Amino acid sequence: MSFLELTKKRYSVRKYKDQPVEREKLLQVLEAARNAPSACNFQPWHFIVLTDETIKSKVAETYPRDWFKKAPVVIVACGDHSVSWKRADGKDHCDVDLAIAVEHMALAAAELGLGTCW
């Protein structure tokens, strides 16, 4: 599929199948994030993959949506402002860099037939 077709295919999913996501697919999604561009290639991010129901339930307390609780996998995207690039005027690019990486993951997931939601 072309890149443009992929961008049309991706949409926000709020109803997930009750089945685990294959480890290989998760690794491919994370690799897409690793390959994402970032200011000065600082990659100011960490990703935490949650599959344990107890841990996901605790995290879901911070974002109380039913669809979030029912996702088979939650990838927590964490920006690290201590290592992000800052412009001369002090503008921190961490949030922009993290958003680009998350979108790379969303597009990779769509290509693999996985649903995502920001």
N, C-alpha and C. Protein backbone atom coordinates (compact mmCIF):
# COMPACT_ATOMS: atom_id res chain seq x y z
N MET A 1 0.84 -1.17 0.00
CA MET A 1 0.00 0.00 0.00
C MET A 1 0.89 1.23 0.00
N SER A 2 0.43 2.26 -0.67
CA SER A 2 1.21 3.50 -0.72
C SER A 2 1.09 4.23 0.61
N PHE A 3 1.99 5.19 0.81
CA PHE A 3 1.94 5.97 2.05
C PHE A 3 0.63 6.73 2.15
N LEU A 4 0.18 7.32 1.06
CA LEU A 4 -1.08 8.07 1.08
C LEU A 4 -2.25 7.15 1.43
N GLU A 5 -2.25 5.93 0.89
CA GLU A 5 -3.30 4.97 1.24
C GLU A 5 -3.24 4.63 2.73
N LEU A 6 -2.04 4.50 3.26
CA LEU A 6 -1.87 4.21 4.68
C LEU A 6 -2.43 5.34 5.54
N THR A 7 -2.18 6.58 5.15
CA THR A 7 -2.70 7.71 5.94
C THR A 7 -4.23 7.75 5.90
N LYS A 8 -4.81 7.28 4.82
CA LYS A 8 -6.27 7.22 4.73
C LYS A 8 -6.84 6.05 5.53
N LYS A 9 -6.06 4.99 5.64
CA LYS A 9 -6.50 3.78 6.35
C LYS A 9 -6.52 3.99 7.87
N ARG A 10 -5.59 4.77 8.39
CA ARG A 10 -5.48 4.94 9.85
C ARG A 10 -6.63 5.78 10.38
N TYR A 11 -7.21 5.31 11.45
CA TYR A 11 -8.27 6.06 12.13
C TYR A 11 -8.21 5.72 13.61
N SER A 12 -8.87 6.50 14.44
CA SER A 12 -8.87 6.26 15.88
C SER A 12 -9.84 5.14 16.23
N VAL A 13 -9.31 4.11 16.85
CA VAL A 13 -10.10 2.94 17.23
C VAL A 13 -10.46 3.05 18.71
N ARG A 14 -11.71 2.80 19.01
CA ARG A 14 -12.14 2.85 20.42
C ARG A 14 -12.87 1.57 20.83
N LYS A 15 -12.77 0.55 20.00
CA LYS A 15 -13.31 -0.77 20.33
C LYS A 15 -12.29 -1.79 19.83
N TYR A 16 -11.70 -2.50 20.78
CA TYR A 16 -10.61 -3.41 20.45
C TYR A 16 -11.03 -4.86 20.59
N LYS A 17 -10.40 -5.71 19.80
CA LYS A 17 -10.60 -7.15 19.92
C LYS A 17 -9.98 -7.63 21.22
N ASP A 18 -10.59 -8.64 21.80
CA ASP A 18 -10.08 -9.21 23.04
C ASP A 18 -9.07 -10.30 22.70
N GLN A 19 -7.94 -9.88 22.16
CA GLN A 19 -6.87 -10.83 21.84
C GLN A 19 -5.54 -10.11 21.96
N PRO A 20 -4.51 -10.85 22.34
CA PRO A 20 -3.20 -10.21 22.51
C PRO A 20 -2.61 -9.77 21.17
N VAL A 21 -1.72 -8.81 21.24
CA VAL A 21 -0.98 -8.35 20.06
C VAL A 21 0.34 -9.11 20.03
N GLU A 22 0.67 -9.62 18.87
CA GLU A 22 1.89 -10.41 18.72
C GLU A 22 3.12 -9.56 19.05
N ARG A 23 4.07 -10.17 19.74
CA ARG A 23 5.30 -9.49 20.13
C ARG A 23 6.02 -8.89 18.92
N GLU A 24 6.09 -9.63 17.84
CA GLU A 24 6.79 -9.14 16.64
C GLU A 24 6.15 -7.85 16.12
N LYS A 25 4.84 -7.77 16.16
CA LYS A 25 4.16 -6.55 15.72
C LYS A 25 4.47 -5.39 16.66
N LEU A 26 4.48 -5.66 17.96
CA LEU A 26 4.84 -4.60 18.92
C LEU A 26 6.25 -4.09 18.67
N LEU A 27 7.16 -5.01 18.40
CA LEU A 27 8.54 -4.60 18.13
C LEU A 27 8.63 -3.75 16.87
N GLN A 28 7.84 -4.08 15.86
CA GLN A 28 7.84 -3.28 14.63
C GLN A 28 7.28 -1.88 14.88
N VAL A 29 6.24 -1.80 15.68
CA VAL A 29 5.65 -0.49 16.02
C VAL A 29 6.67 0.35 16.78
N LEU A 30 7.36 -0.25 17.73
CA LEU A 30 8.38 0.48 18.49
C LEU A 30 9.57 0.87 17.61
N GLU A 31 9.91 0.03 16.66
CA GLU A 31 11.00 0.36 15.73
C GLU A 31 10.63 1.58 14.89
N ALA A 32 9.37 1.69 14.52
CA ALA A 32 8.92 2.87 13.76
C ALA A 32 9.13 4.13 14.59
N ALA A 33 8.87 4.06 15.88
CA ALA A 33 9.10 5.22 16.75
C ALA A 33 10.59 5.52 16.84
N ARG A 34 11.39 4.49 16.97
CA ARG A 34 12.84 4.69 17.07
C ARG A 34 13.39 5.37 15.81
N ASN A 35 12.78 5.08 14.69
CA ASN A 35 13.23 5.66 13.42
C ASN A 35 12.66 7.05 13.15
N ALA A 36 11.79 7.53 14.03
CA ALA A 36 11.17 8.84 13.83
C ALA A 36 12.21 9.95 13.95
N PRO A 37 12.06 11.00 13.15
CA PRO A 37 12.98 12.12 13.28
C PRO A 37 12.73 12.89 14.57
N SER A 38 13.79 13.46 15.09
CA SER A 38 13.68 14.34 16.26
C SER A 38 14.73 15.43 16.12
N ALA A 39 14.50 16.55 16.76
CA ALA A 39 15.44 17.67 16.67
C ALA A 39 16.83 17.21 17.10
N CYS A 40 17.80 17.41 16.24
CA CYS A 40 19.20 17.01 16.47
C CYS A 40 19.33 15.52 16.79
N ASN A 41 18.33 14.73 16.42
CA ASN A 41 18.29 13.29 16.68
C ASN A 41 18.47 12.96 18.16
N PHE A 42 17.98 13.82 19.04
CA PHE A 42 18.13 13.58 20.48
C PHE A 42 17.19 12.48 20.99
N GLN A 43 16.13 12.20 20.26
CA GLN A 43 15.16 11.16 20.65
C GLN A 43 14.79 11.26 22.13
N PRO A 44 14.14 12.33 22.53
CA PRO A 44 13.84 12.55 23.95
C PRO A 44 12.59 11.79 24.42
N TRP A 45 12.60 10.49 24.26
CA TRP A 45 11.41 9.72 24.59
C TRP A 45 11.76 8.37 25.20
N HIS A 46 10.77 7.85 25.88
CA HIS A 46 10.79 6.48 26.40
C HIS A 46 9.38 5.95 26.17
N PHE A 47 9.28 4.67 25.87
CA PHE A 47 7.98 4.05 25.67
C PHE A 47 7.85 2.88 26.63
N ILE A 48 6.74 2.83 27.31
CA ILE A 48 6.47 1.75 28.26
C ILE A 48 5.31 0.94 27.71
N VAL A 49 5.55 -0.34 27.45
CA VAL A 49 4.53 -1.22 26.88
C VAL A 49 3.83 -1.96 28.02
N LEU A 50 2.53 -1.77 28.11
CA LEU A 50 1.75 -2.39 29.18
C LEU A 50 0.82 -3.45 28.60
N THR A 51 0.92 -4.66 29.12
CA THR A 51 0.00 -5.73 28.74
C THR A 51 -0.66 -6.35 29.97
N ASP A 52 -0.08 -6.17 31.13
CA ASP A 52 -0.61 -6.71 32.37
C ASP A 52 -1.90 -5.98 32.75
N GLU A 53 -2.97 -6.73 32.96
CA GLU A 53 -4.28 -6.12 33.23
C GLU A 53 -4.29 -5.27 34.49
N THR A 54 -3.60 -5.71 35.52
CA THR A 54 -3.58 -4.95 36.77
C THR A 54 -2.90 -3.59 36.57
N ILE A 55 -1.78 -3.60 35.89
CA ILE A 55 -1.05 -2.35 35.65
C ILE A 55 -1.86 -1.44 34.71
N LYS A 56 -2.43 -2.03 33.67
CA LYS A 56 -3.25 -1.22 32.75
C LYS A 56 -4.43 -0.58 33.49
N SER A 57 -5.03 -1.31 34.42
CA SER A 57 -6.15 -0.76 35.19
C SER A 57 -5.71 0.43 36.03
N LYS A 58 -4.53 0.34 36.61
CA LYS A 58 -4.02 1.46 37.42
C LYS A 58 -3.75 2.67 36.54
N VAL A 59 -3.15 2.44 35.39
CA VAL A 59 -2.88 3.54 34.47
C VAL A 59 -4.19 4.13 33.96
N ALA A 60 -5.18 3.28 33.73
CA ALA A 60 -6.48 3.75 33.23
C ALA A 60 -7.18 4.68 34.21
N GLU A 61 -6.80 4.65 35.46
CA GLU A 61 -7.38 5.57 36.43
C GLU A 61 -7.04 7.03 36.08
N THR A 62 -5.95 7.23 35.36
CA THR A 62 -5.56 8.59 34.96
C THR A 62 -6.30 9.05 33.71
N TYR A 63 -6.90 8.11 32.99
CA TYR A 63 -7.64 8.42 31.76
C TYR A 63 -8.85 7.49 31.73
N PRO A 64 -9.89 7.83 32.47
CA PRO A 64 -11.02 6.92 32.66
C PRO A 64 -11.97 6.83 31.47
N ARG A 65 -11.55 6.12 30.45
CA ARG A 65 -12.40 5.87 29.28
C ARG A 65 -12.50 4.35 29.13
N ASP A 66 -13.70 3.85 28.86
CA ASP A 66 -13.88 2.41 28.74
C ASP A 66 -13.00 1.80 27.66
N TRP A 67 -12.90 2.47 26.51
CA TRP A 67 -12.11 1.92 25.42
C TRP A 67 -10.64 1.80 25.81
N PHE A 68 -10.16 2.73 26.60
CA PHE A 68 -8.76 2.71 27.04
C PHE A 68 -8.50 1.49 27.92
N LYS A 69 -9.45 1.19 28.80
CA LYS A 69 -9.31 0.06 29.71
C LYS A 69 -9.32 -1.27 28.97
N LYS A 70 -9.97 -1.32 27.82
CA LYS A 70 -10.15 -2.58 27.10
C LYS A 70 -9.11 -2.82 26.02
N ALA A 71 -8.21 -1.89 25.80
CA ALA A 71 -7.16 -2.10 24.80
C ALA A 71 -6.25 -3.24 25.26
N PRO A 72 -5.89 -4.16 24.37
CA PRO A 72 -5.02 -5.27 24.78
C PRO A 72 -3.61 -4.83 25.14
N VAL A 73 -3.18 -3.72 24.58
CA VAL A 73 -1.85 -3.17 24.85
C VAL A 73 -1.99 -1.66 24.99
N VAL A 74 -1.27 -1.11 25.94
CA VAL A 74 -1.17 0.35 26.07
C VAL A 74 0.30 0.70 25.99
N ILE A 75 0.64 1.60 25.10
CA ILE A 75 2.02 2.09 25.02
C ILE A 75 2.01 3.50 25.60
N VAL A 76 2.68 3.65 26.72
CA VAL A 76 2.78 4.95 27.38
C VAL A 76 3.97 5.69 26.77
N ALA A 77 3.71 6.83 26.16
CA ALA A 77 4.75 7.63 25.54
C ALA A 77 5.19 8.71 26.52
N CYS A 78 6.46 8.69 26.88
CA CYS A 78 7.00 9.62 27.87
C CYS A 78 8.06 10.51 27.23
N GLY A 79 7.88 11.80 27.32
CA GLY A 79 8.87 12.75 26.82
C GLY A 79 9.84 13.13 27.93
N ASP A 80 11.10 13.21 27.58
CA ASP A 80 12.14 13.56 28.56
C ASP A 80 12.69 14.94 28.23
N HIS A 81 12.17 15.95 28.91
CA HIS A 81 12.58 17.33 28.65
C HIS A 81 14.03 17.60 29.05
N SER A 82 14.60 16.74 29.86
CA SER A 82 16.00 16.96 30.28
C SER A 82 16.99 16.65 29.17
N VAL A 83 16.56 15.92 28.14
CA VAL A 83 17.49 15.59 27.05
C VAL A 83 17.02 16.12 25.70
N SER A 84 15.90 16.83 25.65
CA SER A 84 15.40 17.33 24.38
C SER A 84 16.18 18.56 23.92
N TRP A 85 16.12 18.80 22.61
CA TRP A 85 16.79 19.96 22.04
C TRP A 85 15.98 21.21 22.34
N LYS A 86 16.68 22.27 22.68
CA LYS A 86 16.05 23.58 22.92
C LYS A 86 16.64 24.60 21.96
N ARG A 87 15.77 25.42 21.38
CA ARG A 87 16.24 26.49 20.51
C ARG A 87 16.95 27.55 21.34
N ALA A 88 17.60 28.47 20.67
CA ALA A 88 18.31 29.56 21.36
C ALA A 88 17.36 30.41 22.20
N ASP A 89 16.09 30.48 21.78
CA ASP A 89 15.11 31.26 22.56
C ASP A 89 14.47 30.44 23.68
N GLY A 90 14.95 29.21 23.88
CA GLY A 90 14.46 28.37 24.96
C GLY A 90 13.32 27.43 24.59
N LYS A 91 12.78 27.54 23.38
CA LYS A 91 11.69 26.67 22.95
C LYS A 91 12.15 25.22 23.00
N ASP A 92 11.43 24.41 23.76
CA ASP A 92 11.73 22.99 23.95
C ASP A 92 10.98 22.18 22.89
N HIS A 93 11.68 21.31 22.18
CA HIS A 93 11.06 20.54 21.10
C HIS A 93 10.63 19.14 21.52
N CYS A 94 10.67 18.85 22.80
CA CYS A 94 10.32 17.51 23.28
C CYS A 94 8.92 17.08 22.84
N ASP A 95 7.93 17.93 23.05
CA ASP A 95 6.56 17.56 22.73
C ASP A 95 6.36 17.31 21.24
N VAL A 96 6.99 18.12 20.41
CA VAL A 96 6.90 17.94 18.97
C VAL A 96 7.55 16.62 18.58
N ASP A 97 8.75 16.38 19.09
CA ASP A 97 9.46 15.14 18.78
C ASP A 97 8.67 13.92 19.21
N LEU A 98 8.09 13.97 20.39
CA LEU A 98 7.31 12.84 20.90
C LEU A 98 6.07 12.62 20.03
N ALA A 99 5.42 13.68 19.63
CA ALA A 99 4.23 13.55 18.78
C ALA A 99 4.58 12.90 17.44
N ILE A 100 5.71 13.26 16.88
CA ILE A 100 6.14 12.65 15.62
C ILE A 100 6.37 11.16 15.81
N ALA A 101 7.03 10.78 16.89
CA ALA A 101 7.29 9.36 17.17
C ALA A 101 5.99 8.59 17.38
N VAL A 102 5.05 9.18 18.09
CA VAL A 102 3.76 8.51 18.33
C VAL A 102 3.02 8.33 17.01
N GLU A 103 3.05 9.32 16.15
CA GLU A 103 2.37 9.18 14.86
C GLU A 103 3.05 8.11 14.00
N HIS A 104 4.37 8.01 14.07
CA HIS A 104 5.06 6.92 13.37
C HIS A 104 4.54 5.58 13.88
N MET A 105 4.36 5.45 15.20
CA MET A 105 3.83 4.20 15.75
C MET A 105 2.41 3.94 15.25
N ALA A 106 1.58 4.97 15.23
CA ALA A 106 0.20 4.80 14.78
C ALA A 106 0.14 4.35 13.32
N LEU A 107 0.98 4.92 12.49
CA LEU A 107 1.00 4.52 11.08
C LEU A 107 1.54 3.10 10.91
N ALA A 108 2.57 2.75 11.66
CA ALA A 108 3.10 1.39 11.59
C ALA A 108 2.05 0.39 12.05
N ALA A 109 1.34 0.72 13.12
CA ALA A 109 0.29 -0.17 13.62
C ALA A 109 -0.80 -0.36 12.56
N ALA A 110 -1.20 0.72 11.91
CA ALA A 110 -2.22 0.62 10.86
C ALA A 110 -1.75 -0.29 9.74
N GLU A 111 -0.49 -0.15 9.36
CA GLU A 111 0.05 -1.00 8.29
C GLU A 111 0.01 -2.47 8.69
N LEU A 112 0.16 -2.74 9.99
CA LEU A 112 0.17 -4.12 10.49
C LEU A 112 -1.23 -4.63 10.84
N GLY A 113 -2.25 -3.81 10.59
CA GLY A 113 -3.62 -4.22 10.88
C GLY A 113 -4.04 -4.02 12.32
N LEU A 114 -3.30 -3.19 13.05
CA LEU A 114 -3.61 -2.90 14.44
C LEU A 114 -4.30 -1.55 14.56
N GLY A 115 -5.22 -1.44 15.49
CA GLY A 115 -5.90 -0.18 15.73
C GLY A 115 -5.23 0.61 16.83
N THR A 116 -5.31 1.93 16.73
CA THR A 116 -4.71 2.82 17.73
C THR A 116 -5.64 3.99 18.00
N CYS A 117 -5.38 4.67 19.08
CA CYS A 117 -6.06 5.93 19.36
C CYS A 117 -5.10 6.80 20.14
N TRP A 118 -5.01 8.07 19.78
CA TRP A 118 -4.14 9.02 20.47
C TRP A 118 -4.69 9.27 21.83
